[in-house]
Structures are given as structure tokens and as C-alpha cells.
Amino acid sequence: MRTLRLGMALWLIYAAVDSGQFLLGILGGLFALQALLNVGCCGAGSCSYTPRQSTQRDKSSQSHCNS
């Protein structure tokens, strides 16, 4: 993912310089910063979740959806 972010950053920065769009350059800088620091949206583990346990009611409601 790090190389993908760096590639997108370089492409966005090039496109920003080529078209003269300042905001696109900021977006490219953000992707470059993420690639260089190796961080992303889930860097602190904030995207983790605990799967809920299946109950009998969940199983019966799923059977109605499949028919």
C-alpha cells in the first residue's frame, strides 16, 4: 500500500503542476506524506471491530432473506 500511495502522490503532484490546480497539489502532498510516514486511515487500529455473535434470531431472519 505504501508504494501505491507514493505512486498516486507523484501522479497527483504532476497533474497539479501541469494543470495549475493548487488543491490537487495539496491532495498529492497528503498522499506523499502518508507514504513517507507509512500511515493510513487505520494506522492507530481505529478500524478494528468485534464481530457480534450469531443468535438464533439472526439465523431465522437470514433464512427468510434467502427465499
Protein backbone atom coordinates (compact mmCIF):
# COMPACT_ATOMS: atom_id res chain seq x y z
CA MET A 1 0.00 0.00 0.00
CA ARG A 2 2.91 2.30 0.67
CA THR A 3 4.15 2.18 -2.92
CA LEU A 4 0.60 2.61 -4.22
CA ARG A 5 0.18 5.79 -2.15
CA LEU A 6 3.55 7.08 -3.33
CA GLY A 7 2.66 6.40 -6.96
CA MET A 8 -0.68 8.17 -6.58
CA ALA A 9 1.06 11.07 -4.85
CA LEU A 10 3.57 11.52 -7.64
CA TRP A 11 0.85 11.33 -10.27
CA LEU A 12 -1.34 13.86 -8.41
CA ILE A 13 1.54 16.28 -7.89
CA TYR A 14 2.47 16.05 -11.57
CA ALA A 15 -1.15 16.62 -12.61
CA ALA A 16 -1.39 19.59 -10.24
CA VAL A 17 1.72 21.24 -11.63
CA ASP A 18 0.65 20.51 -15.19
CA SER A 19 -2.85 21.96 -14.80
CA GLY A 20 -2.05 24.63 -12.20
CA GLN A 21 -4.52 23.38 -9.61
CA PHE A 22 -3.37 24.16 -6.10
CA LEU A 23 -5.87 21.90 -4.28
CA LEU A 24 -4.85 18.88 -6.33
CA GLY A 25 -1.27 19.51 -5.22
CA ILE A 26 -2.38 19.51 -1.59
CA LEU A 27 -4.08 16.15 -2.12
CA GLY A 28 -0.91 14.81 -3.71
CA GLY A 29 1.11 16.10 -0.78
CA LEU A 30 -1.23 14.33 1.62
CA PHE A 31 -0.73 11.01 -0.17
CA ALA A 32 3.04 11.60 -0.25
CA LEU A 33 3.05 12.29 3.47
CA GLN A 34 1.10 9.11 4.16
CA ALA A 35 3.52 7.10 2.03
CA LEU A 36 6.63 8.59 3.62
CA LEU A 37 5.38 8.20 7.18
CA ASN A 38 3.74 4.82 6.44
CA VAL A 39 0.41 5.80 7.98
CA GLY A 40 -3.14 5.50 6.73
CA CYS A 41 -6.69 5.78 7.97
CA CYS A 42 -6.32 2.66 10.13
CA GLY A 43 -2.86 3.44 11.49
CA ALA A 44 -3.95 3.55 15.13
CA GLY A 45 -6.17 0.49 14.88
CA SER A 46 -9.29 2.62 14.91
CA CYS A 47 -10.93 0.48 12.24
CA SER A 48 -10.97 -2.71 14.27
CA TYR A 49 -14.27 -4.18 15.30
CA THR A 50 -15.52 -7.15 17.24
CA PRO A 51 -17.86 -9.39 15.27
CA ARG A 52 -21.14 -9.91 17.01
CA GLN A 53 -22.12 -13.37 17.99
CA SER A 54 -24.80 -15.09 15.97
CA THR A 55 -28.05 -15.76 17.81
CA GLN A 56 -30.99 -17.97 16.97
CA ARG A 57 -33.00 -14.92 15.92
CA ASP A 58 -30.27 -13.87 13.47
CA LYS A 59 -30.27 -17.31 11.89
CA SER A 60 -34.03 -17.33 11.42
CA SER A 61 -34.07 -13.85 9.89
CA GLN A 62 -31.35 -14.85 7.43
CA SER A 63 -33.34 -17.81 6.20
CA HIS A 64 -36.25 -15.53 5.20
CA CYS A 65 -33.95 -13.30 3.17
CA ASN A 66 -32.66 -16.16 1.05
CA SER A 67 -36.05 -17.41 -0.12
